[in-house]
Amino acid sequence: MRLRFDIAIFLFIFIEILYVYFPGLITVVGDAGTTPPEHMGLYALTCFAAPIVVMTALRRTTKPIRWARWFGTTAIATRVALQFTPGGWTQMTIVTIGLVAALLYLALATRFTPLRTYFTALMVALAAHVTLTAVWAGPNLVWRDGTLATSIILAVCSAAIIAVTTTDLRIHLDHAPSYLAFGPALFLLLLHGANLHFVVNGSGRAQWWEILLIVTVAWTSVYIVGFKHEIKPGPWLWGGILILAVTATGIGGHLDAPSPLTDSSALLAALSYVALAFLGNQLAVLDRNRDQKGSQKSGTYLLAGTLVFATATFVYYAAYDLGYDNWPTVTAVAVVIVAVAQTSWRRSREAQPHIELPVRRRVLVLATASLTVLVLTTTYPSGSRETVSVPESLRIAAYNIQMGFDLDGRYALAQQAKTLRELDPDIVMLSEVDRGWMLNGGQDSLRNMADSLEMNFYWAPAADRLWGDAILTNLPLTSYKSHALAPGGPTGAQALEANVRWGNDDLTLISTHLQPPYNEEGGWSDTTQARQVRDLADAAMDKGHKVIMAGDFNFAPQGPSSEAWKVVTGSETVDAFADWRPFPTTPGEGEAVQIDHVFLSPDLTPSNPANPNVEHSDHRPIAVTVR
């Protein structure tokens, strides 16, 4: 039995659809945080539950092949359309249709696809994504502009349509409950194992061997799943390894200081990846009591598994808003996979006819991995650049980039970078920087921004190892440190203190995104975070340093949050925009919301302020020149 490339190509496209759907859920449906979380959850639940209802209606259809091809073609067409949509609800409508159609195709395809083939195809699709990310730095394929990206996706989608509509399909009877593991496995792999930016950034450093490790593991997993025989011992061993690996990875992702868990993020991700591959091998066993009814139920079980995927995603990321630990979520998902595998394994010890790649394809896979090894060290950006000559004045910019997404749910990091370049900054302070959340497509917004601006970056985690704030500058650095702030809002808060040399002067830069607890009137119920950043600035000034502190402070000069404003401005720090108030920091022409600020030590003089009214984020970039 050979690998079904129609399923592999389709799964590659399905992952791309997910990488548009989830950010759109946050930015378009969520409407910059104004939509209640329960409404967003209901929307997502409906999208993943509706296919189960449709699948139930189609259970007795006599034309499953025709329906499968229709849904598959529809999903592929929506993926092509996503490359050209302007964003907003048009994009959200298209991607929702694509998601539902894709789920229905995958469900119907279970009737014609052995489970081993399904898992092998998933591993091929993920390995292709990992390799593409490794050798082509930048945003996901769906967010790339230009002839090359468009040509690639048109070629992939054309091949997918041909494969979906022409592959010879025959009814295959498999152990239906085993398909339940598909969605949970996809969740763990996209969250950690096959998320290259999680692997690279989870330890706080980017080392080439970590990239090579995951690329190698990704392609090796293709062979493990499709191995000729069931690999013993049973699921209890590989399941135990999986549970331990994902639990350790989840806990390590939230540690503030380096530790063995954070330093081992690549090894733990690789271990969970391999454990899932072995479990996939053992899931692919024939059920002794096969019948047509079991085949009809396989699609429903797969959709139930994707509902677990959606629920786990929502529960995992809602933790940042609701304040509970999210690592138990990944542990629970791993337990579901192990339970399904153990049940399937006990029902039968007979190995299913195996998928064995022809020799030429084996050589192709090995050649791909080898080429990746040779190319990675020169193509993956290092993030280190020569420092600039000393300018007489400094241009400071601050920007809350909303994970790189604009108000229409498009990945607009290129537009954000272009706007920043036009401001011509020497120093950039970024907030809401995402370096690999699966919810946002597993992209490294900081590295992409630094490469575009050709600046060195200094990173400080806040919510976890992949979400926080950053400073970009080519001035010579002497030291930097992240200071955890008091508990408050959803994604945690920190203050990144970086000391640089500016000619003969010591300059302290403080980048922060305050997340306060709010009272019923919209004011701060506790101003501890404001006092903490003020004290950092005061301590630097006491050392004789010049100070620039900037970011999203979530307080305004007037109104309910003005008490926190008074705390920060009550010391020696100076409001850089005092002479230009009101100074709006959110896009649009409505009420002047002023929550992003730049504060200076008294020995610095501000001039030439800027706050371009662009909708590349839910905040405007702000800039000022100091001397």
Foldseek 3Di string as FASTA:
>chain_A
DAAQLLLLLLLLLLLVLLLQQLLCLCQAVCVVVPDDLVVSLVVLLCLLCVLLVVLVVCLPPPPLLVLLLVLSLLLLVLLLVLLPDPFHVVNNVSSSSNNSSSLNNVLSCLQFDFLLSNVLSNLSSLLVQLLCCLQPPDDDLSQDDDDVSSVVSVVSSVVSSCSSNPPDGDGDWAQQLLLLLVLLVVLLCQFAQSLLLCQQLLLPHHDLVLSLLSSVLSLVLSCLSQPQAQDDDALVVLLVLLLVLLLLQLVSQADQDHDPSSNCSSVSSSSNSNSVSNLSNLSRAGAPPTDSSSSSNNSSSNSNSNSLNSVLLSQQQCCLFVVDRSSVSSSVSSVVSSVSSVVSNVRDNHGDRGHDHDPVVVVVSVVSSVVSSVNRVPRPDRLDDAADDFDPWFKEKEEAQQQCAFSRSRNNLVVVLVVVVVSVGQKYKYAFHFRAGSSNPGHGSVVNSCVSNVWHKDDHAFQTSGTGMIMTHRFAWDDKDKAFFDDAGRRGKIWIWTWGDRDPAIEIEIHIADHAHADPQREGPDLRRLLVVLVVQVVCVVVVHKYKYWYQQSADCDDRHVVSVCNNVVDQKDWLCVVPPPDAWFADDDDRDDGTTMITGPVKHWDDKDFDRDRSYRTTMIMIMID
